[in-house]
C-alpha atoms as a PDB file:
ATOM      1  CA  MET A   1      10.116 -24.714   3.272  1.00  0.00           C
ATOM      2  CA  HIS A   2       6.755 -23.265   4.204  1.00  0.00           C
ATOM      3  CA  ILE A   3       4.384 -22.692   1.243  1.00  0.00           C
ATOM      4  CA  CYS A   4       4.142 -18.918   1.820  1.00  0.00           C
ATOM      5  CA  LEU A   5       7.915 -18.606   1.527  1.00  0.00           C
ATOM      6  CA  GLN A   6       7.907 -20.801  -1.591  1.00  0.00           C
ATOM      7  CA  ASN A   7       5.239 -18.552  -3.072  1.00  0.00           C
ATOM      8  CA  LEU A   8       7.102 -15.428  -2.188  1.00  0.00           C
ATOM      9  CA  ASN A   9      10.325 -16.762  -3.737  1.00  0.00           C
ATOM     10  CA  VAL A  10       8.442 -17.585  -6.961  1.00  0.00           C
ATOM     11  CA  ILE A  11       7.101 -14.035  -7.103  1.00  0.00           C
ATOM     12  CA  LYS A  12      10.527 -12.551  -6.456  1.00  0.00           C
ATOM     13  CA  SER A  13      11.943 -14.643  -9.329  1.00  0.00           C
ATOM     14  CA  LYS A  14       9.119 -13.447 -11.683  1.00  0.00           C
ATOM     15  CA  ILE A  15       9.832  -9.804 -10.577  1.00  0.00           C
ATOM     16  CA  LYS A  16      13.659 -10.136 -11.328  1.00  0.00           C
ATOM     17  CA  GLY A  17      12.792 -11.739 -14.671  1.00  0.00           C
ATOM     18  CA  ILE A  18      10.565  -8.883 -15.667  1.00  0.00           C
ATOM     19  CA  ILE A  19      13.011  -6.345 -14.507  1.00  0.00           C
ATOM     20  CA  ASN A  20      15.813  -7.917 -16.530  1.00  0.00           C
ATOM     21  CA  THR A  21      13.694  -8.476 -19.631  1.00  0.00           C
ATOM     22  CA  LYS A  22      12.207  -4.897 -19.665  1.00  0.00           C
ATOM     23  CA  GLN A  23      15.499  -3.353 -18.402  1.00  0.00           C
ATOM     24  CA  LEU A  24      13.606  -1.577 -15.587  1.00  0.00           C
ATOM     25  CA  LYS A  25      15.458   0.347 -12.910  1.00  0.00           C
ATOM     26  CA  ILE A  26      13.112  -0.249 -10.059  1.00  0.00           C
ATOM     27  CA  GLU A  27      12.576  -3.405  -8.051  1.00  0.00           C
ATOM     28  CA  PRO A  28       9.267  -3.053  -6.104  1.00  0.00           C
ATOM     29  CA  GLN A  29       8.795  -3.938  -2.446  1.00  0.00           C
ATOM     30  CA  ILE A  30       6.300  -6.728  -1.627  1.00  0.00           C
ATOM     31  CA  VAL A  31       3.635  -5.779   0.959  1.00  0.00           C
ATOM     32  CA  ALA A  32       2.399  -9.189   2.122  1.00  0.00           C
ATOM     33  CA  VAL A  33      -1.339  -8.590   2.815  1.00  0.00           C
ATOM     34  CA  THR A  34      -2.144 -10.572   5.998  1.00  0.00           C
ATOM     35  CA  LYS A  35      -5.721  -9.323   6.546  1.00  0.00           C
ATOM     36  CA  THR A  36      -7.881 -12.260   7.809  1.00  0.00           C
ATOM     37  CA  PHE A  37      -4.858 -14.521   8.059  1.00  0.00           C
ATOM     38  CA  THR A  38      -3.675 -15.760  11.459  1.00  0.00           C
ATOM     39  CA  LEU A  39      -0.159 -15.425  12.682  1.00  0.00           C
ATOM     40  CA  SER A  40       0.579 -19.092  11.882  1.00  0.00           C
ATOM     41  CA  LYS A  41       0.042 -18.288   8.223  1.00  0.00           C
ATOM     42  CA  PHE A  42       2.585 -15.507   7.918  1.00  0.00           C
ATOM     43  CA  LYS A  43       4.891 -16.208  10.849  1.00  0.00           C
ATOM     44  CA  PRO A  44       7.453 -17.853   8.457  1.00  0.00           C
ATOM     45  CA  LEU A  45       7.814 -14.638   6.577  1.00  0.00           C
ATOM     46  CA  LEU A  46       8.531 -12.736   9.749  1.00  0.00           C
ATOM     47  CA  GLU A  47      11.057 -15.296  10.785  1.00  0.00           C
ATOM     48  CA  ASN A  48      12.598 -15.013   7.402  1.00  0.00           C
ATOM     49  CA  GLY A  49      13.086 -11.232   7.720  1.00  0.00           C
ATOM     50  CA  HIS A  50      10.354 -10.091   5.421  1.00  0.00           C
ATOM     51  CA  ILE A  51       9.668  -6.395   6.164  1.00  0.00           C
ATOM     52  CA  HIS A  52       6.369  -5.080   4.743  1.00  0.00           C
ATOM     53  CA  PHE A  53       2.980  -6.286   5.813  1.00  0.00           C
ATOM     54  CA  GLY A  54      -0.427  -4.966   4.988  1.00  0.00           C
ATOM     55  CA  GLU A  55      -3.756  -4.895   6.910  1.00  0.00           C
ATOM     56  CA  ASN A  56      -7.016  -3.078   6.195  1.00  0.00           C
ATOM     57  CA  LYS A  57      -8.738  -3.020   9.600  1.00  0.00           C
ATOM     58  CA  ILE A  58      -7.676  -1.207  12.760  1.00  0.00           C
ATOM     59  CA  GLN A  59      -9.337  -3.721  15.162  1.00  0.00           C
ATOM     60  CA  GLU A  60      -7.637  -6.661  13.474  1.00  0.00           C
ATOM     61  CA  VAL A  61      -4.228  -4.995  13.837  1.00  0.00           C
ATOM     62  CA  GLU A  62      -4.853  -4.333  17.561  1.00  0.00           C
ATOM     63  CA  ASN A  63      -5.919  -7.888  18.137  1.00  0.00           C
ATOM     64  CA  LYS A  64      -3.325  -9.682  15.954  1.00  0.00           C
ATOM     65  CA  TRP A  65      -0.164  -7.538  15.900  1.00  0.00           C
ATOM     66  CA  SER A  66       0.012  -6.554  19.616  1.00  0.00           C
ATOM     67  CA  GLU A  67       1.558  -9.989  20.318  1.00  0.00           C
ATOM     68  CA  ILE A  68       3.913  -9.831  17.316  1.00  0.00           C
ATOM     69  CA  VAL A  69       5.394  -6.422  18.154  1.00  0.00           C
ATOM     70  CA  ASN A  70       6.941  -8.032  21.335  1.00  0.00           C
ATOM     71  CA  ARG A  71       8.603 -10.752  19.367  1.00  0.00           C
ATOM     72  CA  PHE A  72       9.700  -9.019  16.162  1.00  0.00           C
ATOM     73  CA  THR A  73      10.864  -5.482  15.625  1.00  0.00           C
ATOM     74  CA  HIS A  74      12.076  -5.325  12.072  1.00  0.00           C
ATOM     75  CA  PHE A  75       8.716  -5.123  10.158  1.00  0.00           C
ATOM     76  CA  LYS A  76       6.700  -2.181   8.758  1.00  0.00           C
ATOM     77  CA  LEU A  77       2.833  -2.109   8.847  1.00  0.00           C
ATOM     78  CA  HIS A  78       0.907  -0.743   5.902  1.00  0.00           C
ATOM     79  CA  MET A  79      -2.739   0.399   6.112  1.00  0.00           C
ATOM     80  CA  ILE A  80      -4.184  -0.561   2.737  1.00  0.00           C
ATOM     81  CA  GLY A  81      -7.882  -0.388   3.427  1.00  0.00           C
ATOM     82  CA  ARG A  82     -10.188   2.534   3.513  1.00  0.00           C
ATOM     83  CA  LEU A  83      -9.586   4.707   6.585  1.00  0.00           C
ATOM     84  CA  GLN A  84     -12.388   6.499   8.276  1.00  0.00           C
ATOM     85  CA  SER A  85     -11.443   9.906   9.773  1.00  0.00           C
ATOM     86  CA  ASN A  86     -12.523   8.811  13.192  1.00  0.00           C
ATOM     87  CA  LYS A  87      -9.922   6.059  13.177  1.00  0.00           C
ATOM     88  CA  ALA A  88      -7.160   8.294  12.015  1.00  0.00           C
ATOM     89  CA  LYS A  89      -5.453   8.552  15.406  1.00  0.00           C
ATOM     90  CA  LYS A  90      -5.175   4.833  15.815  1.00  0.00           C
ATOM     91  CA  ALA A  91      -3.973   4.507  12.285  1.00  0.00           C
ATOM     92  CA  VAL A  92      -1.142   7.051  12.874  1.00  0.00           C
ATOM     93  CA  GLU A  93      -0.242   5.123  16.082  1.00  0.00           C
ATOM     94  CA  LEU A  94      -0.186   1.711  14.532  1.00  0.00           C
ATOM     95  CA  PHE A  95       0.984   2.078  10.940  1.00  0.00           C
ATOM     96  CA  ASP A  96       4.181   3.164   9.230  1.00  0.00           C
ATOM     97  CA  TYR A  97       2.498   3.612   5.871  1.00  0.00           C
ATOM     98  CA  ILE A  98      -1.047   4.522   4.972  1.00  0.00           C
ATOM     99  CA  HIS A  99      -1.998   3.833   1.339  1.00  0.00           C
ATOM    100  CA  SER A 100      -5.561   5.195   1.405  1.00  0.00           C
ATOM    101  CA  LEU A 101      -5.527   8.977   1.970  1.00  0.00           C
ATOM    102  CA  ASP A 102      -8.649  10.003   0.067  1.00  0.00           C
ATOM    103  CA  SER A 103     -10.157  13.169   1.561  1.00  0.00           C
ATOM    104  CA  SER A 104      -9.366  16.484   2.922  1.00  0.00           C
ATOM    105  CA  SER A 105     -11.008  15.590   6.211  1.00  0.00           C
ATOM    106  CA  LEU A 106      -8.756  12.600   6.634  1.00  0.00           C
ATOM    107  CA  ALA A 107      -5.704  14.617   5.711  1.00  0.00           C
ATOM    108  CA  LEU A 108      -6.571  17.178   8.403  1.00  0.00           C
ATOM    109  CA  LYS A 109      -7.009  14.452  11.039  1.00  0.00           C
ATOM    110  CA  ILE A 110      -3.763  12.770  10.138  1.00  0.00           C
ATOM    111  CA  ASN A 111      -1.997  16.163  10.412  1.00  0.00           C
ATOM    112  CA  LYS A 112      -3.522  16.735  13.814  1.00  0.00           C
ATOM    113  CA  TYR A 113      -2.657  13.287  15.226  1.00  0.00           C
ATOM    114  CA  GLU A 114       0.863  13.336  13.820  1.00  0.00           C
ATOM    115  CA  LYS A 115       1.461  16.473  15.757  1.00  0.00           C
ATOM    116  CA  GLU A 116      -0.080  15.012  18.978  1.00  0.00           C
ATOM    117  CA  LEU A 117       1.907  11.755  18.655  1.00  0.00           C
ATOM    118  CA  ASN A 118       5.101  13.338  17.282  1.00  0.00           C
ATOM    119  CA  LYS A 119       5.178  10.814  14.458  1.00  0.00           C
ATOM    120  CA  LYS A 120       5.343  11.190  10.778  1.00  0.00           C
ATOM    121  CA  THR A 121       3.611   8.643   8.579  1.00  0.00           C
ATOM    122  CA  LYS A 122       4.415   7.765   5.043  1.00  0.00           C
ATOM    123  CA  LEU A 123       1.328   8.434   2.939  1.00  0.00           C
ATOM    124  CA  PHE A 124      -0.043   7.466  -0.461  1.00  0.00           C
ATOM    125  CA  ILE A 125      -2.842   9.499  -1.987  1.00  0.00           C
ATOM    126  CA  GLN A 126      -5.415   7.095  -3.356  1.00  0.00           C
ATOM    127  CA  VAL A 127      -6.473   8.250  -6.822  1.00  0.00           C
ATOM    128  CA  ASN A 128      -9.791   7.388  -8.418  1.00  0.00           C
ATOM    129  CA  VAL A 129      -8.345   7.380 -12.067  1.00  0.00           C
ATOM    130  CA  ALA A 130     -11.479   5.938 -13.669  1.00  0.00           C
ATOM    131  CA  TYR A 131     -13.917   8.136 -11.814  1.00  0.00           C
ATOM    132  CA  GLU A 132     -15.765   5.175 -10.345  1.00  0.00           C
ATOM    133  CA  SER A 133     -18.716   6.233  -8.132  1.00  0.00           C
ATOM    134  CA  GLN A 134     -18.457   3.189  -5.929  1.00  0.00           C
ATOM    135  CA  LYS A 135     -14.736   3.683  -5.112  1.00  0.00           C
ATOM    136  CA  SER A 136     -13.133   6.191  -2.837  1.00  0.00           C
ATOM    137  CA  GLY A 137     -10.118   8.163  -3.915  1.00  0.00           C
ATOM    138  CA  ILE A 138      -9.276  11.612  -5.141  1.00  0.00           C
ATOM    139  CA  PRO A 139     -10.615  12.185  -8.665  1.00  0.00           C
ATOM    140  CA  LEU A 140      -7.797  12.605 -11.137  1.00  0.00           C
ATOM    141  CA  ASP A 141      -8.745  16.096 -12.087  1.00  0.00           C
ATOM    142  CA  GLU A 142      -8.662  17.157  -8.471  1.00  0.00           C
ATOM    143  CA  LEU A 143      -5.364  15.593  -7.616  1.00  0.00           C
ATOM    144  CA  ASP A 144      -3.048  18.566  -8.186  1.00  0.00           C
ATOM    145  CA  ASN A 145      -5.033  20.793  -5.712  1.00  0.00           C
ATOM    146  CA  PHE A 146      -5.296  18.028  -3.160  1.00  0.00           C
ATOM    147  CA  PHE A 147      -1.565  17.210  -3.365  1.00  0.00           C
ATOM    148  CA  TYR A 148      -0.791  20.977  -2.952  1.00  0.00           C
ATOM    149  CA  TYR A 149      -3.058  21.138   0.134  1.00  0.00           C
ATOM    150  CA  CYS A 150      -1.464  18.088   1.721  1.00  0.00           C
ATOM    151  CA  THR A 151       2.149  18.996   1.107  1.00  0.00           C
ATOM    152  CA  LYS A 152       2.171  22.773   1.311  1.00  0.00           C
ATOM    153  CA  GLU A 153      -0.630  23.558   3.824  1.00  0.00           C
ATOM    154  CA  LEU A 154      -0.428  20.516   6.097  1.00  0.00           C
ATOM    155  CA  SER A 155       3.207  19.431   5.459  1.00  0.00           C
ATOM    156  CA  LEU A 156       2.180  15.744   5.217  1.00  0.00           C
ATOM    157  CA  ASN A 157       4.756  13.273   4.054  1.00  0.00           C
ATOM    158  CA  ILE A 158       3.167  12.262   0.745  1.00  0.00           C
ATOM    159  CA  ILE A 159       5.559   9.632  -0.777  1.00  0.00           C
ATOM    160  CA  GLY A 160       3.416   8.406  -3.688  1.00  0.00           C
ATOM    161  CA  LEU A 161       0.138   7.588  -5.270  1.00  0.00           C
ATOM    162  CA  MET A 162      -2.089   4.471  -5.018  1.00  0.00           C
ATOM    163  CA  ILE A 163      -4.686   3.017  -7.352  1.00  0.00           C
ATOM    164  CA  LEU A 164      -7.291   0.222  -7.389  1.00  0.00           C
ATOM    165  CA  PRO A 165      -7.936  -0.118 -11.230  1.00  0.00           C
ATOM    166  CA  PRO A 166     -11.386  -1.036 -12.516  1.00  0.00           C
ATOM    167  CA  ILE A 167     -12.289  -4.734 -12.329  1.00  0.00           C
ATOM    168  CA  ASN A 168     -12.372  -6.642 -15.623  1.00  0.00           C
ATOM    169  CA  GLN A 169     -10.511  -3.923 -17.541  1.00  0.00           C
ATOM    170  CA  ASP A 170      -6.928  -3.834 -18.749  1.00  0.00           C
ATOM    171  CA  PRO A 171      -4.996  -2.363 -15.778  1.00  0.00           C
ATOM    172  CA  ASN A 172      -2.138  -1.192 -17.909  1.00  0.00           C
ATOM    173  CA  ARG A 173      -4.033   1.951 -19.043  1.00  0.00           C
ATOM    174  CA  TYR A 174      -4.693   3.022 -15.506  1.00  0.00           C
ATOM    175  CA  PHE A 175      -1.258   2.116 -14.231  1.00  0.00           C
ATOM    176  CA  LYS A 176       0.287   4.204 -16.955  1.00  0.00           C
ATOM    177  CA  ILE A 177      -1.872   7.241 -16.140  1.00  0.00           C
ATOM    178  CA  LEU A 178      -0.836   7.035 -12.462  1.00  0.00           C
ATOM    179  CA  ARG A 179       2.809   6.527 -13.290  1.00  0.00           C
ATOM    180  CA  ASP A 180       2.822   9.589 -15.558  1.00  0.00           C
ATOM    181  CA  LYS A 181       1.037  11.642 -12.950  1.00  0.00           C
ATOM    182  CA  SER A 182       3.439  10.630 -10.192  1.00  0.00           C
ATOM    183  CA  ARG A 183       6.364  11.810 -12.373  1.00  0.00           C
ATOM    184  CA  GLU A 184       4.548  15.119 -13.030  1.00  0.00           C
ATOM    185  CA  LEU A 185       4.247  15.582  -9.244  1.00  0.00           C
ATOM    186  CA  LYS A 186       7.932  14.465  -8.745  1.00  0.00           C
ATOM    187  CA  LEU A 187       6.876  11.523  -6.522  1.00  0.00           C
ATOM    188  CA  PHE A 188       8.957   8.387  -6.474  1.00  0.00           C
ATOM    189  CA  ASP A 189       6.647   5.765  -5.013  1.00  0.00           C
ATOM    190  CA  LEU A 190       3.662   4.017  -6.574  1.00  0.00           C
ATOM    191  CA  SER A 191       1.340   1.618  -4.749  1.00  0.00           C
ATOM    192  CA  MET A 192       0.124  -0.406  -7.726  1.00  0.00           C
ATOM    193  CA  GLY A 193      -0.610  -4.103  -8.244  1.00  0.00           C
ATOM    194  CA  MET A 194      -2.312  -6.850  -6.360  1.00  0.00           C
ATOM    195  CA  SER A 195      -2.290 -10.551  -6.852  1.00  0.00           C
ATOM    196  CA  SER A 196      -4.285 -10.472 -10.067  1.00  0.00           C
ATOM    197  CA  ASP A 197      -2.365  -7.656 -11.863  1.00  0.00           C
ATOM    198  CA  TYR A 198       1.082  -7.317 -10.201  1.00  0.00           C
ATOM    199  CA  ILE A 199       2.847  -8.290 -13.505  1.00  0.00           C
ATOM    200  CA  GLU A 200       1.370  -5.234 -15.238  1.00  0.00           C
ATOM    201  CA  ALA A 201       2.134  -3.064 -12.236  1.00  0.00           C
ATOM    202  CA  ILE A 202       5.846  -4.078 -12.273  1.00  0.00           C
ATOM    203  CA  GLU A 203       5.968  -3.193 -16.016  1.00  0.00           C
ATOM    204  CA  ASN A 204       4.588   0.172 -15.080  1.00  0.00           C
ATOM    205  CA  GLU A 205       7.269   0.811 -12.437  1.00  0.00           C
ATOM    206  CA  SER A 206       5.311   0.189  -9.258  1.00  0.00           C
ATOM    207  CA  THR A 207       7.471   0.426  -6.093  1.00  0.00           C
ATOM    208  CA  PHE A 208       4.971  -1.375  -3.738  1.00  0.00           C
ATOM    209  CA  LEU A 209       2.976  -4.415  -4.644  1.00  0.00           C
ATOM    210  CA  ARG A 210       0.052  -5.391  -2.333  1.00  0.00           C
ATOM    211  CA  LEU A 211      -0.083  -9.237  -2.478  1.00  0.00           C
ATOM    212  CA  GLY A 212      -2.220 -11.525  -0.332  1.00  0.00           C
ATOM    213  CA  THR A 213      -3.586 -14.588  -2.149  1.00  0.00           C
ATOM    214  CA  ALA A 214      -0.545 -14.925  -4.377  1.00  0.00           C
ATOM    215  CA  ILE A 215       1.488 -15.557  -1.271  1.00  0.00           C
ATOM    216  CA  PHE A 216      -0.967 -17.135   1.239  1.00  0.00           C
ATOM    217  CA  GLY A 217      -3.672 -18.693  -0.992  1.00  0.00           C
ATOM    218  CA  GLU A 218      -7.341 -18.000  -0.993  1.00  0.00           C
ATOM    219  CA  ARG A 219      -8.901 -16.388   2.047  1.00  0.00           C
ATOM    220  CA  LYS A 220     -11.609 -18.202   3.964  1.00  0.00           C
ATOM    221  CA  ILE A 221     -14.022 -15.473   5.012  1.00  0.00           C
END
C-alpha cells in the first residue's frame, strides 16, 4: 500500500477513536492538501476514491488538475489559500468549495461570477478570531454584519466558518470560539484543523480537516 494511503488510514483510525472516546456525533471530512505535490504523490488517493482535495493557488490548479479532470470525476476541489478578488472568476470556475472568503469586495466578486457562470460555490467565511494584524479574515466582532451581508444581500451559499489559529498557542481556545459562533449563526460546517492541530479540531467538532504533511510528508519547496 502506498505511504499516503497508509497515513490516511492511520488518521482515519485516530478520528474514529476520538469520536468514540468523546462520544462525538460528527465525523469530519479530510481535505487532502495537495499544494506543491505532484500527481504521483496523491494519485493513489484518487484511485482509492478519496473525494476532497485542497489547493491554494489558481495557477497550480490549472497546470496540475486539468489532466486529472479527464481521468477522474468523483473528486471535489477546495480553495484553501487566500483568494484575491481579481482571481475570483477562476476560483468559481475551478473550485467546489472556497474556504477563504475574507472581504466584502471578494464576496461581491464571487456573487457576480456565480451569476455569470450559473454556478453556486460552497463558501466558508475565514474568521480572524485572535485579531492578528498579519492574517486575513473577518474580525470576530464584524462577523455578524458580514454574514448578514453575504447571505441576505448577496444570497451566497455560506456553509460554515474557517480559522487559522495563532501559532504556538493552544488552538482549543480559538476552535471553541469558532464552534460556538457557528452554532449561534446556525451553520453546520467548520473548517478547522491542519496537520499540527487536527486532534484538537476534531474534539471541537470540526467537519473539514485540511491535512497535507500528515498525509504526504514534508513539502520540498
